[in-house]
N, C-alpha and C. Protein backbone atom coordinates (compact mmCIF):
# COMPACT_ATOMS: atom_id res chain seq x y z
N MET A 1 -15.28 -5.03 -12.36
CA MET A 1 -14.44 -5.12 -11.53
C MET A 1 -13.30 -4.10 -11.66
N ILE A 2 -12.52 -3.63 -10.60
CA ILE A 2 -11.75 -2.59 -10.71
C ILE A 2 -10.44 -2.98 -10.03
N ARG A 3 -9.44 -2.68 -10.62
CA ARG A 3 -7.87 -3.18 -9.75
C ARG A 3 -7.32 -1.62 -9.68
N HIS A 4 -7.09 -1.77 -8.39
CA HIS A 4 -5.94 -0.77 -7.81
C HIS A 4 -4.74 -1.39 -7.42
N ILE A 5 -3.75 -0.65 -8.06
CA ILE A 5 -2.38 -1.32 -7.88
C ILE A 5 -1.55 0.03 -7.55
N VAL A 6 -0.78 -0.24 -6.41
CA VAL A 6 0.03 0.88 -6.07
C VAL A 6 1.48 0.43 -5.60
N PHE A 7 2.39 1.14 -5.89
CA PHE A 7 4.04 0.75 -5.51
C PHE A 7 4.55 1.96 -4.65
N TRP A 8 5.38 1.78 -3.77
CA TRP A 8 5.94 2.74 -2.91
C TRP A 8 7.67 2.53 -2.79
N LYS A 9 8.41 3.93 -2.70
CA LYS A 9 9.75 3.56 -2.24
C LYS A 9 9.41 4.08 -0.94
N LEU A 10 10.40 3.55 -0.15
CA LEU A 10 10.44 3.98 1.62
C LEU A 10 11.69 4.43 1.84
N LYS A 11 11.41 5.27 2.48
CA LYS A 11 12.73 6.14 3.40
C LYS A 11 13.51 5.06 4.01
N ALA A 12 15.00 5.10 4.23
CA ALA A 12 15.95 4.26 4.60
C ALA A 12 15.52 4.18 6.07
N GLU A 13 15.17 5.22 6.91
CA GLU A 13 14.57 5.35 8.30
C GLU A 13 13.44 6.19 8.13
N ALA A 14 12.57 6.06 9.21
CA ALA A 14 11.49 7.05 9.24
C ALA A 14 10.67 6.51 10.43
N GLU A 15 10.20 7.33 11.34
CA GLU A 15 9.12 6.99 12.45
C GLU A 15 9.83 6.18 13.37
N GLY A 16 11.48 6.20 13.55
CA GLY A 16 12.27 5.48 14.51
C GLY A 16 12.09 3.82 13.84
N ALA A 17 12.01 3.75 12.63
CA ALA A 17 11.95 2.22 12.15
C ALA A 17 12.77 2.45 10.81
N THR A 18 13.33 0.93 10.37
CA THR A 18 13.88 0.93 9.17
C THR A 18 12.79 0.81 8.22
N ALA A 19 13.27 0.95 6.86
CA ALA A 19 12.38 0.67 5.67
C ALA A 19 11.81 -0.67 5.78
N LYS A 20 12.66 -1.59 6.01
CA LYS A 20 11.97 -3.07 6.28
C LYS A 20 10.82 -2.87 7.36
N GLU A 21 11.03 -2.84 8.28
CA GLU A 21 10.03 -2.45 9.67
C GLU A 21 8.84 -1.59 9.09
N ASN A 22 8.94 -0.73 8.73
CA ASN A 22 7.96 0.36 8.07
C ASN A 22 7.11 -0.31 7.10
N GLY A 23 7.72 -1.10 6.02
CA GLY A 23 7.13 -1.85 4.99
C GLY A 23 6.24 -2.98 5.65
N GLN A 24 6.85 -3.68 6.50
CA GLN A 24 6.07 -4.89 7.28
C GLN A 24 4.72 -4.08 7.89
N LYS A 25 5.01 -2.91 8.51
CA LYS A 25 3.87 -2.34 9.21
C LYS A 25 2.77 -2.07 8.37
N MET A 26 3.17 -1.56 6.97
CA MET A 26 2.24 -1.17 5.96
C MET A 26 1.62 -2.16 5.31
N VAL A 27 2.11 -3.42 5.04
CA VAL A 27 1.85 -4.81 4.63
C VAL A 27 0.81 -5.35 5.54
N ASP A 28 1.00 -5.33 6.84
CA ASP A 28 -0.04 -5.81 7.97
C ASP A 28 -1.06 -4.98 7.76
N ALA A 29 -1.00 -3.57 8.10
CA ALA A 29 -1.99 -2.74 7.89
C ALA A 29 -2.90 -2.92 6.73
N PHE A 30 -2.38 -2.92 5.57
CA PHE A 30 -3.21 -3.28 4.53
C PHE A 30 -4.07 -4.64 4.73
N HIS A 31 -3.45 -5.64 4.95
CA HIS A 31 -4.09 -6.99 5.04
C HIS A 31 -5.02 -7.22 6.36
N ALA A 32 -5.02 -5.97 7.24
CA ALA A 32 -6.07 -5.86 8.22
C ALA A 32 -7.39 -5.41 7.75
N LEU A 33 -7.25 -4.61 6.32
CA LEU A 33 -8.42 -4.19 5.87
C LEU A 33 -9.39 -5.30 5.42
N GLU A 34 -8.64 -6.57 5.13
CA GLU A 34 -9.69 -7.49 4.54
C GLU A 34 -10.91 -7.80 5.17
N GLY A 35 -12.25 -7.62 4.52
CA GLY A 35 -13.52 -7.91 5.21
C GLY A 35 -14.03 -6.79 5.82
N LYS A 36 -13.19 -5.69 5.98
CA LYS A 36 -13.97 -4.80 6.85
C LYS A 36 -14.24 -3.63 6.04
N ILE A 37 -13.98 -3.32 4.54
CA ILE A 37 -14.54 -2.51 4.09
C ILE A 37 -15.49 -2.84 2.91
N PRO A 38 -16.75 -2.51 2.38
CA PRO A 38 -17.70 -3.08 1.71
C PRO A 38 -17.24 -2.64 0.11
N GLY A 39 -17.55 -3.63 -0.69
CA GLY A 39 -16.58 -3.56 -2.01
C GLY A 39 -15.29 -3.76 -2.44
N LEU A 40 -14.67 -4.11 -1.15
CA LEU A 40 -13.23 -4.69 -1.52
C LEU A 40 -13.28 -6.09 -1.50
N VAL A 41 -12.75 -6.48 -2.73
CA VAL A 41 -12.86 -8.15 -2.92
C VAL A 41 -11.77 -8.57 -2.71
N SER A 42 -10.40 -8.50 -2.74
CA SER A 42 -9.30 -8.92 -2.48
C SER A 42 -8.25 -7.80 -2.04
N ILE A 43 -7.42 -7.95 -1.38
CA ILE A 43 -6.29 -6.93 -0.71
C ILE A 43 -4.74 -7.80 -0.71
N GLU A 44 -3.82 -7.79 -1.78
CA GLU A 44 -2.60 -8.19 -1.43
C GLU A 44 -1.74 -7.20 -1.37
N SER A 45 -0.69 -7.38 -0.26
CA SER A 45 0.39 -6.46 -0.39
C SER A 45 1.80 -7.14 0.03
N GLY A 46 2.95 -6.76 -0.18
CA GLY A 46 4.29 -7.48 0.26
C GLY A 46 5.34 -6.60 0.02
N LEU A 47 6.37 -6.94 0.56
CA LEU A 47 7.90 -6.36 0.27
C LEU A 47 8.43 -6.79 -0.94
N ASN A 48 9.39 -6.13 -1.28
CA ASN A 48 10.17 -6.51 -2.86
C ASN A 48 11.24 -7.07 -2.17
N PHE A 49 11.34 -8.48 -2.43
CA PHE A 49 12.50 -9.34 -1.86
C PHE A 49 13.76 -9.25 -2.86
N GLY A 50 13.42 -8.75 -4.31
CA GLY A 50 14.47 -8.26 -5.21
C GLY A 50 15.63 -7.48 -5.09
N LYS A 51 15.50 -7.15 -3.87
CA LYS A 51 16.46 -5.92 -3.62
C LYS A 51 17.17 -6.32 -2.43
N ALA A 52 18.83 -6.04 -2.49
CA ALA A 52 19.49 -6.34 -1.23
C ALA A 52 19.14 -5.75 -0.08
N GLU A 53 18.53 -4.13 -0.13
CA GLU A 53 18.05 -3.41 0.86
C GLU A 53 17.00 -2.58 0.47
N LEU A 54 15.82 -2.90 1.48
CA LEU A 54 14.61 -1.94 1.36
C LEU A 54 15.31 -0.30 1.73
N GLY A 55 14.68 0.59 0.96
CA GLY A 55 14.79 1.99 1.16
C GLY A 55 16.27 2.73 0.80
N ASN A 56 16.88 1.87 -0.26
CA ASN A 56 18.30 2.25 -0.71
C ASN A 56 18.12 3.09 -1.98
N GLY A 57 16.76 3.69 -2.18
CA GLY A 57 16.61 4.49 -3.50
C GLY A 57 16.79 4.21 -4.64
N ASP A 58 17.33 3.00 -4.85
CA ASP A 58 17.62 2.85 -6.42
C ASP A 58 16.04 2.58 -7.41
N VAL A 59 16.21 2.30 -8.27
CA VAL A 59 15.05 2.38 -9.53
C VAL A 59 13.70 1.36 -8.95
N GLU A 60 14.18 0.52 -8.44
CA GLU A 60 12.70 -0.49 -7.92
C GLU A 60 12.28 -0.02 -6.73
N TYR A 61 10.90 -0.55 -6.69
CA TYR A 61 9.95 -0.15 -5.35
C TYR A 61 9.84 -0.99 -4.20
N ASP A 62 9.74 -0.36 -3.20
CA ASP A 62 9.97 -1.45 -1.90
C ASP A 62 8.71 -2.33 -1.56
N ILE A 63 7.33 -1.80 -1.94
CA ILE A 63 6.11 -2.28 -1.52
C ILE A 63 5.31 -2.37 -2.42
N ALA A 64 4.54 -3.16 -2.47
CA ALA A 64 3.44 -3.16 -3.54
C ALA A 64 2.23 -3.63 -2.83
N LEU A 65 1.15 -2.86 -3.46
CA LEU A 65 -0.33 -3.14 -3.12
C LEU A 65 -1.35 -3.52 -4.11
N ASP A 66 -1.55 -4.86 -4.40
CA ASP A 66 -3.00 -4.95 -5.35
C ASP A 66 -4.35 -5.20 -4.74
N THR A 67 -5.15 -4.44 -5.10
CA THR A 67 -6.21 -4.40 -4.69
C THR A 67 -7.72 -4.54 -5.81
N THR A 68 -8.57 -5.33 -5.45
CA THR A 68 -9.79 -5.50 -6.49
C THR A 68 -10.99 -5.07 -5.67
N PHE A 69 -11.94 -4.21 -6.37
CA PHE A 69 -12.96 -3.60 -6.13
C PHE A 69 -14.34 -4.05 -7.01
N ARG A 70 -15.25 -4.00 -6.44
CA ARG A 70 -16.36 -4.54 -7.14
C ARG A 70 -16.64 -3.47 -8.31
N THR A 71 -16.75 -2.09 -8.04
CA THR A 71 -16.99 -0.99 -8.67
C THR A 71 -16.00 0.26 -8.68
N LYS A 72 -16.33 0.93 -9.27
CA LYS A 72 -15.38 2.50 -9.03
C LYS A 72 -15.82 3.13 -7.80
N GLU A 73 -17.03 2.88 -7.84
CA GLU A 73 -17.79 3.54 -6.55
C GLU A 73 -17.32 2.81 -5.03
N ALA A 74 -17.04 1.44 -5.35
CA ALA A 74 -16.34 0.80 -3.86
C ALA A 74 -14.60 1.21 -3.80
N LEU A 75 -14.34 1.62 -4.93
CA LEU A 75 -12.79 1.95 -4.62
C LEU A 75 -12.84 3.57 -4.15
N ASP A 76 -13.77 4.28 -4.34
CA ASP A 76 -13.90 5.77 -3.75
C ASP A 76 -14.16 5.64 -2.35
N PHE A 77 -15.01 4.60 -2.12
CA PHE A 77 -15.53 4.76 -0.71
C PHE A 77 -14.12 4.04 0.10
N TYR A 78 -13.52 3.24 -0.50
CA TYR A 78 -12.16 2.65 0.13
C TYR A 78 -11.53 3.66 0.61
N GLN A 79 -11.07 4.52 -0.93
CA GLN A 79 -10.07 5.68 -0.58
C GLN A 79 -10.66 6.81 0.80
N GLY A 80 -11.74 7.09 0.99
CA GLY A 80 -12.31 7.71 1.97
C GLY A 80 -12.52 7.19 3.63
N HIS A 81 -12.71 5.96 3.43
CA HIS A 81 -12.96 5.10 4.72
C HIS A 81 -11.86 5.09 5.60
N PRO A 82 -12.31 5.59 6.83
CA PRO A 82 -11.18 5.91 7.98
C PRO A 82 -10.17 5.12 8.32
N GLU A 83 -10.41 3.95 8.47
CA GLU A 83 -9.18 2.66 8.55
C GLU A 83 -8.24 2.92 7.29
N HIS A 84 -8.45 3.02 6.06
CA HIS A 84 -7.85 3.17 4.97
C HIS A 84 -6.95 4.62 5.05
N GLN A 85 -7.54 5.68 5.77
CA GLN A 85 -7.33 7.02 6.03
C GLN A 85 -5.88 6.98 7.09
N ALA A 86 -6.25 6.04 8.07
CA ALA A 86 -5.09 6.06 9.49
C ALA A 86 -3.81 5.33 8.54
N ILE A 87 -4.01 4.35 7.33
CA ILE A 87 -3.04 3.89 6.87
C ILE A 87 -2.20 4.84 6.25
N VAL A 88 -2.89 5.85 5.28
CA VAL A 88 -2.36 6.64 4.50
C VAL A 88 -1.73 7.39 5.22
N SER A 89 -2.25 8.15 6.42
CA SER A 89 -1.40 9.03 7.43
C SER A 89 0.05 8.43 7.79
N PHE A 90 0.23 7.10 7.98
CA PHE A 90 1.62 6.75 8.30
C PHE A 90 2.38 6.51 6.98
N VAL A 91 1.85 6.01 6.01
CA VAL A 91 2.29 6.24 4.92
C VAL A 91 2.96 7.31 4.22
N LYS A 92 2.46 8.38 4.34
CA LYS A 92 2.94 9.49 3.90
C LYS A 92 4.16 9.83 4.87
N LYS A 93 4.34 9.40 5.89
CA LYS A 93 5.62 9.54 6.83
C LYS A 93 6.67 8.93 6.92
N VAL A 94 6.57 7.76 5.73
CA VAL A 94 7.57 6.58 5.54
C VAL A 94 7.95 6.37 4.08
N VAL A 95 7.52 6.97 3.09
CA VAL A 95 7.16 6.98 1.86
C VAL A 95 8.21 8.20 1.21
N THR A 96 8.84 7.78 0.29
CA THR A 96 9.30 8.95 -0.51
C THR A 96 8.76 9.41 -2.14
N GLU A 97 8.22 8.24 -2.70
CA GLU A 97 7.64 7.95 -3.86
C GLU A 97 6.34 7.01 -3.85
N ARG A 98 5.49 7.29 -4.69
CA ARG A 98 4.49 6.40 -5.04
C ARG A 98 3.90 6.61 -6.31
N ARG A 99 3.52 5.57 -6.95
CA ARG A 99 2.67 5.11 -8.30
C ARG A 99 1.49 4.45 -8.05
N ALA A 100 0.67 4.86 -8.83
CA ALA A 100 -0.61 3.99 -8.94
C ALA A 100 -1.09 3.86 -10.39
N VAL A 101 -1.89 2.65 -10.43
CA VAL A 101 -2.88 2.62 -11.43
C VAL A 101 -3.59 2.08 -11.18
N ASP A 102 -4.90 2.82 -11.86
CA ASP A 102 -6.59 1.76 -11.45
C ASP A 102 -7.22 1.54 -12.91
N PHE A 103 -7.63 0.07 -13.17
CA PHE A 103 -7.85 -0.04 -14.60
C PHE A 103 -9.15 -0.89 -14.28
N GLU A 104 -10.27 -1.04 -15.38
CA GLU A 104 -11.41 -1.67 -15.02
C GLU A 104 -10.97 -3.07 -15.82
N PHE A 105 -11.73 -4.27 -15.49
CA PHE A 105 -11.68 -5.49 -16.13
C PHE A 105 -12.63 -6.20 -16.07
């Protein structure tokens, strides 16, 4: 099994919306992928509630994504899948920073 975890910092405002609004759009879009991509076992995403305000630029990250895949090939398939790429296109417009880790377990 493969775990793919990503953290993002959001712009305070982008695409006509606040960081919180854009973060929720990301969460909803990621959750909508469940059951649509072969090899994607689980997907969870959420906004960081440990901060007073999203998009404030401090050291914490605003949103997290935790996904599990059957194989490395399934992760690769997910990365290139058109529905995932549509989310990536939006994400690139609303984030300032991204960190990711992939590991096998």
